[in-house]
Amino acid sequence: MDWRNWSGLQRAHPATVYTPAEETGITAAVREARARGLALRVVGSGHSFTPLCVTDGAQLSLRNHAGIVAVDGPKATVRAGTTIRTLGPLLRAHGLNLANQGDIDAQAIAGAVGTGTHGTGRGLGCLSSQVTAFRLVTACGDVIEADAAREPELFQAARVSFGTLGVFSTLTLDCRPAYSLREESVVRPLDRILKEFPTLAEAHDHAEFFWFPMADSVVFKTLDRTDAAPGLGRYLRPVKSMVLENGAIWAMGNLSRLAPGLTGPLSRLSAAVGGGGAHVDQAERIFPSPRLVRFNEMEYAVPAEQGLDCIAEIRDWFRKTGTRVYFPIEYRLVAKDDIWLSPFHGRDSATISVHRFAHEDFRPYFAAMEAIFANHKGRPHWGKLHNLTAADCARLYPEWDRYRDLRRRLDPTGLFLNEHLRGLFEG
């Protein structure tokens, strides 16, 4: 069976694919793969851009292992293969919402947690920080229950472990009472945003901006909790997203590729029409935006106090090199946590995401951006493209060696490693 990720960049030809529906099926698959000497990688919905799931051995798909197991007050225990899109209405039925989430909801919750996926919000952490407990199937096929009190070392390590310590079976999430959000997008000059963003971020629950590198303006987006009832805008928002955020970006992106001289004017036009007024809806409907245009992505988290300086350095690079890129750059904020391999370990962060269309050669652009991120002690999103070595990671993550030691103890034969991960943890 052939497999490829969402963007089509990563492909695999696994010898065996397991699709268990219960935890017992997960343990049986792990034990069988180990007995057959097959490396095993877990697959969610394929939204990672890095080769995390690539293997010619065994893939374990969690798509059938989905749904809510139990709800206890604000805590919901969910099966690891549940997509965020499916989880939203399930939580709403219990009067709950995730505390925060990103703008893509197609990911399986285990994959989103395991790679440190996040939304934006000055005081809000990544999805992994919302996990209060989990059940993990180890390389021996045993099941370990972990939380801050039971197996605390494993709890700190596994919440961002991208499948290298074991296979999540269930995750317990600390949720919030169900709420609605007011979304507003406005166009602002980039220079103004570089000066005012810290103040603006404090004034809103969630704040971010999208900057087309060839434009001098950004689309500044905010989300705030509200008691207002959803209006007609809830029906217009999907249309706007399909037409402007997908159709127009696809059309203008292709036009800029065919006529590079138009990249600047098209970028300025896209930025100018990016404001969309205000809309109110349930949180699980407001957080995500459809992403129909395929792309590849690199994202780094830099210390929050260096984030806007990093954007300014990127702008200087574009001006000096004359490079033309149409696809917008996204800027968000994430609160610090104590998870060993989290990009946000020990520091409030700004995340900067750069993209190229799936059919474009991203390597020169991403290499230049990665060099700028390195100037600001950037740490990569584990599900997005990067070129770090084990030595680089050891310098960036204070608990790197401790994590590697724990991984070796839990998986001494490297059952959960592929070529990409061996380079990181055994290089």
Foldseek 3Di string as FASTA:
>chain_A
DKDAAPLRPDIAAAPEEAEDQALLSQLVVLQVLVVVVFFEAEDARRHFQDRQQHGNYYYYYDCNNWDWDDDDPQKTKIFQNHWQLNVAVRQVVVQWGAPFAAQDGRTRLLQQQQLQHAHFAAAAATQLVQWAWFWFQFSNSDIDIDGCVGPNVCSLARSHHNQLGGHTGMTMGRIDGWFKKKKWKDKDFLVVCLVCVVVVRVVAGWWKWKAFLLARIIIIMGIHTDPDDWDPVLVVVLVCLCVQVEVLCVVLQVVCVVPVVCLNVSLHVSSNPVTDGMTMDTPSSPRYGDDPFRKAKWKWWFAAVCVSVLVVVVSVVCVVPVDGDGGIKMKHWHAADCRQQRQRHPGTTIMIMDIDGSVDDCPVVVVVSLVSCVVRLIDIRRSHDDDDFLVSSVVNTVCSVVSLVSSCVRCVPSSNDDPVVCRNNVD
